[in-house]
C-alpha atoms as a PDB file:
ATOM      1  CA  MET A   1      -5.557  -0.356  -2.566  1.00  0.00           C
ATOM      2  CA  SER A   2      -5.271  -0.692  -6.142  1.00  0.00           C
ATOM      3  CA  LYS A   3      -1.489  -0.826  -7.814  1.00  0.00           C
ATOM      4  CA  LYS A   4      -0.283  -0.597 -11.291  1.00  0.00           C
ATOM      5  CA  GLU A   5       2.993  -1.274 -12.756  1.00  0.00           C
ATOM      6  CA  GLU A   6       4.546   2.338 -13.555  1.00  0.00           C
ATOM      7  CA  VAL A   7       7.679   3.439 -15.435  1.00  0.00           C
ATOM      8  CA  TYR A   8       9.444   5.813 -13.623  1.00  0.00           C
ATOM      9  CA  VAL A   9      12.982   7.225 -14.295  1.00  0.00           C
ATOM     10  CA  ALA A  10      14.989   7.156 -17.176  1.00  0.00           C
ATOM     11  CA  TYR A  11      18.370   8.312 -15.605  1.00  0.00           C
ATOM     12  CA  ARG A  12      21.323   9.356 -17.265  1.00  0.00           C
ATOM     13  CA  GLY A  13      24.310   8.475 -15.569  1.00  0.00           C
ATOM     14  CA  LYS A  14      28.187   8.717 -16.051  1.00  0.00           C
ATOM     15  CA  GLY A  15      28.735   8.176 -19.592  1.00  0.00           C
ATOM     16  CA  GLU A  16      26.260   7.046 -21.982  1.00  0.00           C
ATOM     17  CA  LEU A  17      24.255   4.730 -19.538  1.00  0.00           C
ATOM     18  CA  VAL A  18      20.551   5.217 -19.002  1.00  0.00           C
ATOM     19  CA  ALA A  19      18.974   2.937 -16.331  1.00  0.00           C
ATOM     20  CA  VAL A  20      15.159   2.405 -16.406  1.00  0.00           C
ATOM     21  CA  ILE A  21      13.519   1.984 -13.236  1.00  0.00           C
ATOM     22  CA  LYS A  22       9.996   0.153 -13.060  1.00  0.00           C
ATOM     23  CA  ALA A  23       7.938  -0.775 -10.306  1.00  0.00           C
ATOM     24  CA  THR A  24       4.013  -1.499  -8.807  1.00  0.00           C
ATOM     25  CA  VAL A  25       2.775   0.952  -6.633  1.00  0.00           C
ATOM     26  CA  PRO A  26      -0.012   2.674  -5.310  1.00  0.00           C
ATOM     27  CA  SER A  27      -2.096   5.409  -7.094  1.00  0.00           C
ATOM     28  CA  SER A  28      -0.233   7.902  -4.078  1.00  0.00           C
ATOM     29  CA  LEU A  29       3.270   6.832  -6.152  1.00  0.00           C
ATOM     30  CA  GLU A  30       2.533   7.274  -9.532  1.00  0.00           C
ATOM     31  CA  ALA A  31       4.390  10.526  -9.513  1.00  0.00           C
ATOM     32  CA  THR A  32       8.215  10.557  -9.960  1.00  0.00           C
ATOM     33  CA  GLU A  33       8.819  12.666  -7.404  1.00  0.00           C
ATOM     34  CA  SER A  34       6.836  10.863  -4.939  1.00  0.00           C
ATOM     35  CA  PHE A  35       8.337   7.656  -5.892  1.00  0.00           C
ATOM     36  CA  LYS A  36      11.706   9.091  -5.442  1.00  0.00           C
ATOM     37  CA  ILE A  37      10.786  10.118  -2.031  1.00  0.00           C
ATOM     38  CA  ALA A  38       9.118   6.927  -0.761  1.00  0.00           C
ATOM     39  CA  LEU A  39      12.265   4.781  -2.287  1.00  0.00           C
ATOM     40  CA  GLN A  40      14.985   7.197  -0.777  1.00  0.00           C
ATOM     41  CA  ARG A  41      12.721   6.810   2.706  1.00  0.00           C
ATOM     42  CA  THR A  42      12.618   2.709   1.996  1.00  0.00           C
ATOM     43  CA  LEU A  43      16.479   3.058   1.233  1.00  0.00           C
ATOM     44  CA  GLN A  44      17.511   5.183   4.186  1.00  0.00           C
ATOM     45  CA  ASN A  45      15.094   2.747   6.932  1.00  0.00           C
ATOM     46  CA  TRP A  46      16.984  -0.394   5.274  1.00  0.00           C
ATOM     47  CA  THR A  47      20.215   0.736   5.514  1.00  0.00           C
ATOM     48  CA  GLU A  48      19.610   2.354   9.038  1.00  0.00           C
ATOM     49  CA  ASN A  49      17.732  -1.076  10.570  1.00  0.00           C
ATOM     50  CA  SER A  50      19.146  -4.021   9.029  1.00  0.00           C
ATOM     51  CA  GLU A  51      22.501  -5.859   8.472  1.00  0.00           C
ATOM     52  CA  SER A  52      22.194  -6.099   5.087  1.00  0.00           C
ATOM     53  CA  GLY A  53      21.818  -2.794   4.581  1.00  0.00           C
ATOM     54  CA  ARG A  54      24.693  -1.655   6.115  1.00  0.00           C
ATOM     55  CA  GLU A  55      26.406  -3.681   4.881  1.00  0.00           C
ATOM     56  CA  ALA A  56      25.489  -2.398   1.340  1.00  0.00           C
ATOM     57  CA  LEU A  57      26.107   0.745   2.513  1.00  0.00           C
ATOM     58  CA  GLU A  58      29.207   0.472   3.730  1.00  0.00           C
ATOM     59  CA  ASP A  59      30.504  -1.683   0.053  1.00  0.00           C
ATOM     60  CA  ARG A  60      29.543   1.420  -1.739  1.00  0.00           C
ATOM     61  CA  ASP A  61      31.620   3.539   0.691  1.00  0.00           C
ATOM     62  CA  GLY A  62      28.878   5.415   2.618  1.00  0.00           C
ATOM     63  CA  GLU A  63      26.734   6.693  -0.738  1.00  0.00           C
ATOM     64  CA  PHE A  64      24.081   4.881  -2.476  1.00  0.00           C
ATOM     65  CA  SER A  65      23.113   5.504  -6.247  1.00  0.00           C
ATOM     66  CA  VAL A  66      20.945   3.817  -9.059  1.00  0.00           C
ATOM     67  CA  GLU A  67      23.548   1.749 -10.139  1.00  0.00           C
ATOM     68  CA  ASP A  68      23.834  -0.016  -6.052  1.00  0.00           C
ATOM     69  CA  LEU A  69      20.160  -0.713  -6.390  1.00  0.00           C
ATOM     70  CA  GLU A  70      20.298  -2.411  -9.649  1.00  0.00           C
ATOM     71  CA  GLN A  71      22.873  -4.680  -8.309  1.00  0.00           C
ATOM     72  CA  TRP A  72      21.028  -5.364  -4.836  1.00  0.00           C
ATOM     73  CA  GLN A  73      17.010  -4.720  -6.594  1.00  0.00           C
ATOM     74  CA  GLY A  74      16.482  -8.745  -5.576  1.00  0.00           C
ATOM     75  CA  HIS A  75      17.939  -8.705  -2.358  1.00  0.00           C
ATOM     76  CA  SER A  76      15.040  -9.964  -0.135  1.00  0.00           C
ATOM     77  CA  VAL A  77      15.266  -8.001   2.851  1.00  0.00           C
ATOM     78  CA  LEU A  78      15.324  -4.598   0.181  1.00  0.00           C
ATOM     79  CA  ARG A  79      12.324  -6.124  -0.725  1.00  0.00           C
ATOM     80  CA  GLU A  80      10.556  -6.577   2.244  1.00  0.00           C
ATOM     81  CA  TYR A  81      11.119  -2.735   3.405  1.00  0.00           C
ATOM     82  CA  LEU A  82      10.364  -1.597  -0.295  1.00  0.00           C
ATOM     83  CA  LYS A  83       7.057  -3.660  -0.161  1.00  0.00           C
ATOM     84  CA  ARG A  84       6.144  -2.253   3.388  1.00  0.00           C
ATOM     85  CA  GLU A  85       6.149   1.480   1.563  1.00  0.00           C
ATOM     86  CA  GLY A  86       3.886   0.105  -0.890  1.00  0.00           C
ATOM     87  CA  ILE A  87       6.534  -0.642  -3.842  1.00  0.00           C
ATOM     88  CA  GLU A  88       6.309  -4.257  -5.300  1.00  0.00           C
ATOM     89  CA  ASN A  89       8.233  -5.828  -7.958  1.00  0.00           C
ATOM     90  CA  LEU A  90      11.234  -3.207  -8.369  1.00  0.00           C
ATOM     91  CA  SER A  91      13.078  -4.054 -11.587  1.00  0.00           C
ATOM     92  CA  ILE A  92      16.374  -1.876 -12.680  1.00  0.00           C
ATOM     93  CA  GLU A  93      17.144  -2.219 -17.015  1.00  0.00           C
ATOM     94  CA  THR A  94      20.322  -0.184 -17.867  1.00  0.00           C
ATOM     95  CA  PHE A  95      21.277   0.681 -21.465  1.00  0.00           C
ATOM     96  CA  LEU A  96      24.418   1.593 -22.982  1.00  0.00           C
ATOM     97  CA  SER A  97      23.380   4.327 -25.119  1.00  0.00           C
ATOM     98  CA  ASP A  98      26.115   3.459 -28.113  1.00  0.00           C
ATOM     99  CA  THR A  99      24.224   0.192 -28.177  1.00  0.00           C
ATOM    100  CA  PHE A 100      21.458   1.885 -29.655  1.00  0.00           C
ATOM    101  CA  VAL A 101      20.847   1.966 -33.852  1.00  0.00           C
ATOM    102  CA  TRP A 102      18.332   4.500 -33.609  1.00  0.00           C
ATOM    103  CA  ASN A 103      17.425   7.513 -32.451  1.00  0.00           C
ATOM    104  CA  TYR A 104      14.403   8.933 -30.457  1.00  0.00           C
ATOM    105  CA  ASP A 105      12.979  10.850 -33.132  1.00  0.00           C
ATOM    106  CA  ASP A 106      13.910   8.582 -36.085  1.00  0.00           C
ATOM    107  CA  SER A 107      11.442   8.343 -38.823  1.00  0.00           C
ATOM    108  CA  LEU A 108       9.792   5.271 -38.440  1.00  0.00           C
ATOM    109  CA  VAL A 109       6.994   5.287 -41.508  1.00  0.00           C
ATOM    110  CA  LYS A 110       6.922   8.057 -44.031  1.00  0.00           C
ATOM    111  CA  LYS A 111       4.057   9.087 -46.130  1.00  0.00           C
ATOM    112  CA  SER A 112       6.090   9.282 -49.646  1.00  0.00           C
ATOM    113  CA  ASN A 113       6.235   5.324 -48.829  1.00  0.00           C
ATOM    114  CA  ILE A 114       2.511   4.566 -48.508  1.00  0.00           C
ATOM    115  CA  GLY A 115       0.373   2.990 -51.242  1.00  0.00           C
ATOM    116  CA  GLY A 116       2.940   3.011 -54.294  1.00  0.00           C
END
């Protein structure tokens, strides 16, 4: 089964926080919705069947979000559960959008600036 890295989610949370989730997955999880369902299923199994998962869920008052996943993403037991679902190399990077100095639609080159 071939796998490749996919970028799945640009998540806008409270305020202006943006999280980008990356993972190496099989082709069956390339679609964003398929990946999300597999991730939710993995987290459900992890929180039901492992001490660390129960601890993580309890620590977050019974609700586990992308923010929480960012904090737990490197945990070895969680990584084993992810691998069973076909998800590897999960990484989450967060950015505060007020730190960006340009907009998505800012011009990067203009015809009027070419060739003098």
